[in-house]
Amino acid sequence: MNDIIYTGVDSFTTIFLGNEERIRDDVNSFADAFKGMPYIMSCSCSVESFLPMDKMKVIVDCTRKCGL
């Protein structure tokens, strides 16, 4: 079986409305849930132009720290 899981944090409720702690919690939750599985971290549908890039950086940094 060569399935890969592709999912991630919600772009509106987590990234736009949430704080950095919420973002880290969501990323860590995905990292724990899919540990050892082929997984691609993403945000929900797309990265909208109104999303704060500093919060997107939190996702990238936390994802790297989790080893995803």
PDB file of N, CA and C in Angstrom:
ATOM      1  N   MET A   1       0.847  -1.174   0.000  1.00  0.00           N
ATOM      2  CA  MET A   1       0.000   0.000   0.000  1.00  0.00           C
ATOM      3  C   MET A   1       0.896   1.241   0.000  1.00  0.00           C
ATOM      4  N   ASN A   2       0.639   2.175  -0.903  1.00  0.00           N
ATOM      5  CA  ASN A   2       1.442   3.379  -1.040  1.00  0.00           C
ATOM      6  C   ASN A   2       0.630   4.641  -0.778  1.00  0.00           C
ATOM      7  N   ASP A   3      -0.276   4.588   0.168  1.00  0.00           N
ATOM      8  CA  ASP A   3      -1.103   5.749   0.475  1.00  0.00           C
ATOM      9  C   ASP A   3      -0.311   6.782   1.262  1.00  0.00           C
ATOM     10  N   ILE A   4      -0.574   8.043   0.977  1.00  0.00           N
ATOM     11  CA  ILE A   4       0.027   9.153   1.703  1.00  0.00           C
ATOM     12  C   ILE A   4      -1.102  10.027   2.227  1.00  0.00           C
ATOM     13  N   ILE A   5      -1.016  10.405   3.490  1.00  0.00           N
ATOM     14  CA  ILE A   5      -2.033  11.250   4.107  1.00  0.00           C
ATOM     15  C   ILE A   5      -1.681  12.708   3.846  1.00  0.00           C
ATOM     16  N   TYR A   6      -2.652  13.476   3.379  1.00  0.00           N
ATOM     17  CA  TYR A   6      -2.462  14.892   3.067  1.00  0.00           C
ATOM     18  C   TYR A   6      -3.542  15.680   3.787  1.00  0.00           C
ATOM     19  N   THR A   7      -3.180  16.339   4.854  1.00  0.00           N
ATOM     20  CA  THR A   7      -4.140  17.130   5.625  1.00  0.00           C
ATOM     21  C   THR A   7      -3.385  18.123   6.485  1.00  0.00           C
ATOM     22  N   GLY A   8      -4.081  18.871   7.271  1.00  0.00           N
ATOM     23  CA  GLY A   8      -3.404  19.822   8.137  1.00  0.00           C
ATOM     24  C   GLY A   8      -4.360  20.780   8.809  1.00  0.00           C
ATOM     25  N   VAL A   9      -3.795  21.849   9.327  1.00  0.00           N
ATOM     26  CA  VAL A   9      -4.552  22.802  10.124  1.00  0.00           C
ATOM     27  C   VAL A   9      -5.551  23.588   9.272  1.00  0.00           C
ATOM     28  N   ASP A  10      -6.614  24.020   9.905  1.00  0.00           N
ATOM     29  CA  ASP A  10      -7.640  24.794   9.222  1.00  0.00           C
ATOM     30  C   ASP A  10      -7.140  26.220   9.002  1.00  0.00           C
ATOM     31  N   SER A  11      -7.221  26.685   7.779  1.00  0.00           N
ATOM     32  CA  SER A  11      -6.665  28.001   7.458  1.00  0.00           C
ATOM     33  C   SER A  11      -7.422  29.154   8.117  1.00  0.00           C
ATOM     34  N   PHE A  12      -8.720  29.007   8.349  1.00  0.00           N
ATOM     35  CA  PHE A  12      -9.465  30.122   8.942  1.00  0.00           C
ATOM     36  C   PHE A  12      -9.468  30.067  10.467  1.00  0.00           C
ATOM     37  N   THR A  13      -9.982  28.977  11.040  1.00  0.00           N
ATOM     38  CA  THR A  13     -10.126  28.942  12.501  1.00  0.00           C
ATOM     39  C   THR A  13      -8.792  28.827  13.233  1.00  0.00           C
ATOM     40  N   THR A  14      -7.833  28.132  12.660  1.00  0.00           N
ATOM     41  CA  THR A  14      -6.547  27.974  13.340  1.00  0.00           C
ATOM     42  C   THR A  14      -5.569  29.076  12.971  1.00  0.00           C
ATOM     43  N   ILE A  15      -5.354  29.301  11.690  1.00  0.00           N
ATOM     44  CA  ILE A  15      -4.332  30.264  11.277  1.00  0.00           C
ATOM     45  C   ILE A  15      -4.830  31.700  11.416  1.00  0.00           C
ATOM     46  N   PHE A  16      -5.986  32.008  10.846  1.00  0.00           N
ATOM     47  CA  PHE A  16      -6.460  33.390  10.850  1.00  0.00           C
ATOM     48  C   PHE A  16      -6.949  33.823  12.232  1.00  0.00           C
ATOM     49  N   LEU A  17      -7.782  33.006  12.872  1.00  0.00           N
ATOM     50  CA  LEU A  17      -8.361  33.386  14.160  1.00  0.00           C
ATOM     51  C   LEU A  17      -7.525  32.952  15.361  1.00  0.00           C
ATOM     52  N   GLY A  18      -6.737  31.899  15.208  1.00  0.00           N
ATOM     53  CA  GLY A  18      -6.001  31.344  16.341  1.00  0.00           C
ATOM     54  C   GLY A  18      -4.713  32.088  16.655  1.00  0.00           C
ATOM     55  N   ASN A  19      -4.199  31.829  17.853  1.00  0.00           N
ATOM     56  CA  ASN A  19      -2.911  32.396  18.229  1.00  0.00           C
ATOM     57  C   ASN A  19      -1.805  31.360  17.963  1.00  0.00           C
ATOM     58  N   GLU A  20      -0.559  31.726  18.241  1.00  0.00           N
ATOM     59  CA  GLU A  20       0.556  30.821  17.952  1.00  0.00           C
ATOM     60  C   GLU A  20       0.452  29.513  18.731  1.00  0.00           C
ATOM     61  N   GLU A  21      -0.036  29.573  19.959  1.00  0.00           N
ATOM     62  CA  GLU A  21      -0.190  28.355  20.758  1.00  0.00           C
ATOM     63  C   GLU A  21      -1.189  27.405  20.106  1.00  0.00           C
ATOM     64  N   ARG A  22      -2.289  27.936  19.617  1.00  0.00           N
ATOM     65  CA  ARG A  22      -3.304  27.110  18.937  1.00  0.00           C
ATOM     66  C   ARG A  22      -2.703  26.445  17.698  1.00  0.00           C
ATOM     67  N   ILE A  23      -1.914  27.204  16.945  1.00  0.00           N
ATOM     68  CA  ILE A  23      -1.285  26.664  15.741  1.00  0.00           C
ATOM     69  C   ILE A  23      -0.338  25.529  16.113  1.00  0.00           C
ATOM     70  N   ARG A  24       0.512  25.759  17.110  1.00  0.00           N
ATOM     71  CA  ARG A  24       1.449  24.713  17.544  1.00  0.00           C
ATOM     72  C   ARG A  24       0.706  23.477  18.040  1.00  0.00           C
ATOM     73  N   ASP A  25      -0.364  23.681  18.812  1.00  0.00           N
ATOM     74  CA  ASP A  25      -1.156  22.551  19.314  1.00  0.00           C
ATOM     75  C   ASP A  25      -1.728  21.725  18.167  1.00  0.00           C
ATOM     76  N   ASP A  26      -2.256  22.397  17.148  1.00  0.00           N
ATOM     77  CA  ASP A  26      -2.829  21.679  16.006  1.00  0.00           C
ATOM     78  C   ASP A  26      -1.758  20.904  15.239  1.00  0.00           C
ATOM     79  N   VAL A  27      -0.618  21.540  14.981  1.00  0.00           N
ATOM     80  CA  VAL A  27       0.464  20.855  14.264  1.00  0.00           C
ATOM     81  C   VAL A  27       0.950  19.659  15.074  1.00  0.00           C
ATOM     82  N   ASN A  28       1.148  19.851  16.375  1.00  0.00           N
ATOM     83  CA  ASN A  28       1.606  18.745  17.220  1.00  0.00           C
ATOM     84  C   ASN A  28       0.587  17.614  17.273  1.00  0.00           C
ATOM     85  N   SER A  29      -0.690  17.956  17.250  1.00  0.00           N
ATOM     86  CA  SER A  29      -1.744  16.943  17.244  1.00  0.00           C
ATOM     87  C   SER A  29      -1.667  16.075  15.989  1.00  0.00           C
ATOM     88  N   PHE A  30      -1.473  16.711  14.837  1.00  0.00           N
ATOM     89  CA  PHE A  30      -1.318  15.954  13.595  1.00  0.00           C
ATOM     90  C   PHE A  30      -0.043  15.115  13.624  1.00  0.00           C
ATOM     91  N   ALA A  31       1.027  15.678  14.138  1.00  0.00           N
ATOM     92  CA  ALA A  31       2.299  14.952  14.208  1.00  0.00           C
ATOM     93  C   ALA A  31       2.157  13.699  15.062  1.00  0.00           C
ATOM     94  N   ASP A  32       1.448  13.804  16.178  1.00  0.00           N
ATOM     95  CA  ASP A  32       1.235  12.643  17.045  1.00  0.00           C
ATOM     96  C   ASP A  32       0.315  11.616  16.391  1.00  0.00           C
ATOM     97  N   ALA A  33      -0.745  12.089  15.759  1.00  0.00           N
ATOM     98  CA  ALA A  33      -1.735  11.187  15.161  1.00  0.00           C
ATOM     99  C   ALA A  33      -1.169  10.381  13.999  1.00  0.00           C
ATOM    100  N   PHE A  34      -0.258  10.963  13.238  1.00  0.00           N
ATOM    101  CA  PHE A  34       0.237  10.306  12.032  1.00  0.00           C
ATOM    102  C   PHE A  34       1.708   9.906  12.129  1.00  0.00           C
ATOM    103  N   LYS A  35       2.205   9.787  13.346  1.00  0.00           N
ATOM    104  CA  LYS A  35       3.604   9.419  13.561  1.00  0.00           C
ATOM    105  C   LYS A  35       3.927   8.096  12.859  1.00  0.00           C
ATOM    106  N   GLY A  36       5.012   8.102  12.095  1.00  0.00           N
ATOM    107  CA  GLY A  36       5.453   6.891  11.413  1.00  0.00           C
ATOM    108  C   GLY A  36       4.715   6.582  10.120  1.00  0.00           C
ATOM    109  N   MET A  37       3.782   7.438   9.741  1.00  0.00           N
ATOM    110  CA  MET A  37       3.014   7.226   8.514  1.00  0.00           C
ATOM    111  C   MET A  37       3.461   8.239   7.465  1.00  0.00           C
ATOM    112  N   PRO A  38       3.321   7.914   6.173  1.00  0.00           N
ATOM    113  CA  PRO A  38       3.631   8.897   5.142  1.00  0.00           C
ATOM    114  C   PRO A  38       2.613  10.037   5.212  1.00  0.00           C
ATOM    115  N   TYR A  39       3.095  11.246   5.430  1.00  0.00           N
ATOM    116  CA  TYR A  39       2.210  12.354   5.744  1.00  0.00           C
ATOM    117  C   TYR A  39       2.734  13.645   5.130  1.00  0.00           C
ATOM    118  N   ILE A  40       1.850  14.427   4.542  1.00  0.00           N
ATOM    119  CA  ILE A  40       2.186  15.743   4.006  1.00  0.00           C
ATOM    120  C   ILE A  40       1.404  16.776   4.807  1.00  0.00           C
ATOM    121  N   MET A  41       2.119  17.672   5.496  1.00  0.00           N
ATOM    122  CA  MET A  41       1.463  18.732   6.273  1.00  0.00           C
ATOM    123  C   MET A  41       1.030  19.849   5.333  1.00  0.00           C
ATOM    124  N   SER A  42      -0.183  20.306   5.541  1.00  0.00           N
ATOM    125  CA  SER A  42      -0.739  21.380   4.731  1.00  0.00           C
ATOM    126  C   SER A  42      -1.689  22.189   5.600  1.00  0.00           C
ATOM    127  N   CYS A  43      -2.239  23.236   5.053  1.00  0.00           N
ATOM    128  CA  CYS A  43      -3.383  23.858   5.705  1.00  0.00           C
ATOM    129  C   CYS A  43      -4.589  23.474   4.862  1.00  0.00           C
ATOM    130  N   SER A  44      -5.768  23.722   5.359  1.00  0.00           N
ATOM    131  CA  SER A  44      -6.972  23.177   4.735  1.00  0.00           C
ATOM    132  C   SER A  44      -6.968  23.291   3.214  1.00  0.00           C
ATOM    133  N   CYS A  45      -7.696  24.125   2.627  1.00  0.00           N
ATOM    134  CA  CYS A  45      -7.796  24.139   1.163  1.00  0.00           C
ATOM    135  C   CYS A  45      -6.679  24.906   0.472  1.00  0.00           C
ATOM    136  N   SER A  46      -6.416  26.096   0.935  1.00  0.00           N
ATOM    137  CA  SER A  46      -5.435  26.937   0.257  1.00  0.00           C
ATOM    138  C   SER A  46      -4.902  27.984   1.223  1.00  0.00           C
ATOM    139  N   VAL A  47      -3.852  28.646   0.806  1.00  0.00           N
ATOM    140  CA  VAL A  47      -3.300  29.747   1.587  1.00  0.00           C
ATOM    141  C   VAL A  47      -3.850  31.037   0.983  1.00  0.00           C
ATOM    142  N   GLU A  48      -4.774  31.634   1.680  1.00  0.00           N
ATOM    143  CA  GLU A  48      -5.398  32.869   1.198  1.00  0.00           C
ATOM    144  C   GLU A  48      -4.467  34.054   1.424  1.00  0.00           C
ATOM    145  N   SER A  49      -4.605  35.076   0.619  1.00  0.00           N
ATOM    146  CA  SER A  49      -3.726  36.247   0.702  1.00  0.00           C
ATOM    147  C   SER A  49      -3.882  37.021   2.007  1.00  0.00           C
ATOM    148  N   PHE A  50      -5.012  36.862   2.697  1.00  0.00           N
ATOM    149  CA  PHE A  50      -5.233  37.594   3.945  1.00  0.00           C
ATOM    150  C   PHE A  50      -4.631  36.911   5.169  1.00  0.00           C
ATOM    151  N   LEU A  51      -4.099  35.697   5.015  1.00  0.00           N
ATOM    152  CA  LEU A  51      -3.518  34.993   6.161  1.00  0.00           C
ATOM    153  C   LEU A  51      -2.184  35.625   6.550  1.00  0.00           C
ATOM    154  N   PRO A  52      -1.987  35.855   7.846  1.00  0.00           N
ATOM    155  CA  PRO A  52      -0.740  36.465   8.306  1.00  0.00           C
ATOM    156  C   PRO A  52       0.452  35.532   8.065  1.00  0.00           C
ATOM    157  N   MET A  53       1.447  36.027   7.356  1.00  0.00           N
ATOM    158  CA  MET A  53       2.618  35.206   7.040  1.00  0.00           C
ATOM    159  C   MET A  53       3.413  34.817   8.279  1.00  0.00           C
ATOM    160  N   ASP A  54       3.352  35.633   9.345  1.00  0.00           N
ATOM    161  CA  ASP A  54       4.054  35.253  10.565  1.00  0.00           C
ATOM    162  C   ASP A  54       3.442  33.992  11.172  1.00  0.00           C
ATOM    163  N   LYS A  55       2.137  33.817  11.017  1.00  0.00           N
ATOM    164  CA  LYS A  55       1.490  32.600  11.513  1.00  0.00           C
ATOM    165  C   LYS A  55       1.810  31.406  10.608  1.00  0.00           C
ATOM    166  N   MET A  56       1.946  31.649   9.315  1.00  0.00           N
ATOM    167  CA  MET A  56       2.348  30.571   8.406  1.00  0.00           C
ATOM    168  C   MET A  56       3.756  30.089   8.761  1.00  0.00           C
ATOM    169  N   LYS A  57       4.617  31.014   9.168  1.00  0.00           N
ATOM    170  CA  LYS A  57       5.971  30.654   9.575  1.00  0.00           C
ATOM    171  C   LYS A  57       5.939  29.767  10.819  1.00  0.00           C
ATOM    172  N   VAL A  58       5.002  30.014  11.735  1.00  0.00           N
ATOM    173  CA  VAL A  58       4.856  29.167  12.924  1.00  0.00           C
ATOM    174  C   VAL A  58       4.547  27.734  12.499  1.00  0.00           C
ATOM    175  N   ILE A  59       3.667  27.567  11.510  1.00  0.00           N
ATOM    176  CA  ILE A  59       3.343  26.224  11.012  1.00  0.00           C
ATOM    177  C   ILE A  59       4.587  25.553  10.446  1.00  0.00           C
ATOM    178  N   VAL A  60       5.318  26.262   9.622  1.00  0.00           N
ATOM    179  CA  VAL A  60       6.521  25.692   8.999  1.00  0.00           C
ATOM    180  C   VAL A  60       7.546  25.314  10.059  1.00  0.00           C
ATOM    181  N   ASP A  61       7.812  26.221  10.994  1.00  0.00           N
ATOM    182  CA  ASP A  61       8.807  25.953  12.034  1.00  0.00           C
ATOM    183  C   ASP A  61       8.406  24.770  12.909  1.00  0.00           C
ATOM    184  N   CYS A  62       7.147  24.728  13.308  1.00  0.00           N
ATOM    185  CA  CYS A  62       6.668  23.637  14.162  1.00  0.00           C
ATOM    186  C   CYS A  62       6.669  22.308  13.408  1.00  0.00           C
ATOM    187  N   THR A  63       6.290  22.343  12.142  1.00  0.00           N
ATOM    188  CA  THR A  63       6.297  21.130  11.322  1.00  0.00           C
ATOM    189  C   THR A  63       7.711  20.571  11.210  1.00  0.00           C
ATOM    190  N   ARG A  64       8.675  21.436  10.975  1.00  0.00           N
ATOM    191  CA  ARG A  64      10.073  20.994  10.895  1.00  0.00           C
ATOM    192  C   ARG A  64      10.542  20.424  12.224  1.00  0.00           C
ATOM    193  N   LYS A  65      10.165  21.080  13.310  1.00  0.00           N
ATOM    194  CA  LYS A  65      10.562  20.613  14.640  1.00  0.00           C
ATOM    195  C   LYS A  65       9.984  19.228  14.931  1.00  0.00           C
ATOM    196  N   CYS A  66       8.784  18.970  14.429  1.00  0.00           N
ATOM    197  CA  CYS A  66       8.135  17.665  14.626  1.00  0.00           C
ATOM    198  C   CYS A  66       8.710  16.589  13.712  1.00  0.00           C
ATOM    199  N   GLY A  67       9.513  16.993  12.740  1.00  0.00           N
ATOM    200  CA  GLY A  67      10.103  16.027  11.823  1.00  0.00           C
ATOM    201  C   GLY A  67       9.180  15.581  10.712  1.00  0.00           C
ATOM    202  N   LEU A  68       8.156  16.371  10.433  1.00  0.00           N
ATOM    203  CA  LEU A  68       7.227  16.012   9.349  1.00  0.00           C
ATOM    204  C   LEU A  68       7.739  16.516   8.026  1.00  0.00           C
TER     205      LEU A  68
END
